[in-house]
Protein backbone atom coordinates (compact mmCIF):
# COMPACT_ATOMS: atom_id res chain seq x y z
CA MET A 1 -23.51 -17.91 11.77
CA GLU A 2 -24.13 -14.80 9.64
CA GLU A 3 -21.02 -12.96 8.56
CA LYS A 4 -21.40 -9.27 9.01
CA THR A 5 -20.02 -7.01 6.31
CA GLU A 6 -19.32 -3.33 6.85
CA VAL A 7 -19.51 -1.03 4.06
CA PHE A 8 -18.32 2.37 4.29
CA MET A 9 -17.85 5.40 1.73
CA ILE A 10 -14.34 6.66 1.40
CA THR A 11 -14.22 10.27 0.56
CA GLU A 12 -11.36 11.92 -1.54
CA GLN A 13 -10.77 14.20 1.63
CA SER A 14 -10.57 11.35 3.82
CA LEU A 15 -7.78 9.71 1.83
CA GLN A 16 -6.06 13.03 1.51
CA ASP A 17 -6.00 13.11 5.25
CA ARG A 18 -4.33 9.90 5.21
CA ILE A 19 -1.37 10.91 3.18
CA TYR A 20 1.67 12.07 5.07
CA THR A 21 4.66 13.82 3.61
CA ILE A 22 8.22 12.26 5.18
CA ARG A 23 11.41 13.37 3.62
CA GLU A 24 9.56 15.03 0.75
CA GLN A 25 7.78 11.49 -0.21
CA LYS A 26 4.04 11.06 -0.07
CA VAL A 27 3.40 7.95 2.17
CA MET A 28 0.35 6.17 3.86
CA LEU A 29 0.54 4.01 6.80
CA ASP A 30 0.03 0.51 6.91
CA PHE A 31 -2.82 0.26 9.34
CA GLU A 32 -4.60 3.13 7.44
CA LEU A 33 -4.23 1.26 4.14
CA ALA A 34 -5.35 -2.10 5.90
CA GLU A 35 -8.54 -0.24 7.20
CA ILE A 36 -9.23 1.08 3.86
CA TYR A 37 -9.04 -2.59 2.05
CA GLY A 38 -10.68 -4.24 5.03
CA TYR A 39 -7.82 -6.27 6.33
CA THR A 40 -6.06 -6.53 9.67
CA THR A 41 -2.49 -4.88 9.62
CA THR A 42 -0.81 -8.12 10.00
CA ARG A 43 -2.58 -9.85 7.05
CA PHE A 44 -2.26 -6.57 4.85
CA ASN A 45 1.57 -6.79 5.54
CA GLU A 46 1.85 -10.39 4.55
CA GLN A 47 0.05 -9.56 1.31
CA VAL A 48 2.46 -6.81 0.67
CA LYS A 49 5.31 -9.02 1.40
CA ASN A 50 3.98 -11.72 -0.93
CA ASN A 51 3.43 -9.38 -3.79
CA ILE A 52 6.72 -7.76 -3.78
CA TYR A 53 8.25 -11.07 -4.82
CA THR A 54 5.74 -11.61 -7.75
CA LYS A 55 6.00 -8.41 -9.53
CA ARG A 56 8.37 -8.17 -12.42
CA PRO A 57 11.70 -6.31 -11.53
CA LYS A 58 11.89 -2.74 -12.26
CA ILE A 59 14.62 -1.70 -14.69
CA LEU A 60 16.75 1.23 -13.44
CA ASP A 61 19.05 3.10 -15.77
CA MET A 62 22.15 4.06 -13.85
CA GLY A 63 24.75 5.93 -16.35
CA GLY A 64 24.03 3.98 -19.14
CA LYS A 65 24.00 0.52 -17.61
CA LYS A 66 20.61 -1.21 -16.88
CA CYS A 67 20.21 -2.33 -13.17
CA TYR A 68 17.42 -4.73 -12.15
CA ASN A 69 15.83 -3.72 -8.83
C-alpha cells in the first residue's frame, strides 16, 4: 500500500494569520502548529510534553538569586 504524502507551501502571511495576541503574548494554537508540522494534535502535544523534560533548565535571575525553571 502506498503512503500518501501531502506537501503544501506555508507563506509568511498564512503564518502571521495563525499568530494570536492573548494578554499581550503572541501565541499559536496547538492544532494549527500540528497542522503545520503534519501531526495530529494529540501526537503533537505528546511531543511537546516529552521535549519539555529533555531541555536544559532555564536560569532566571530573581533579585541576585539564581532560580532554575
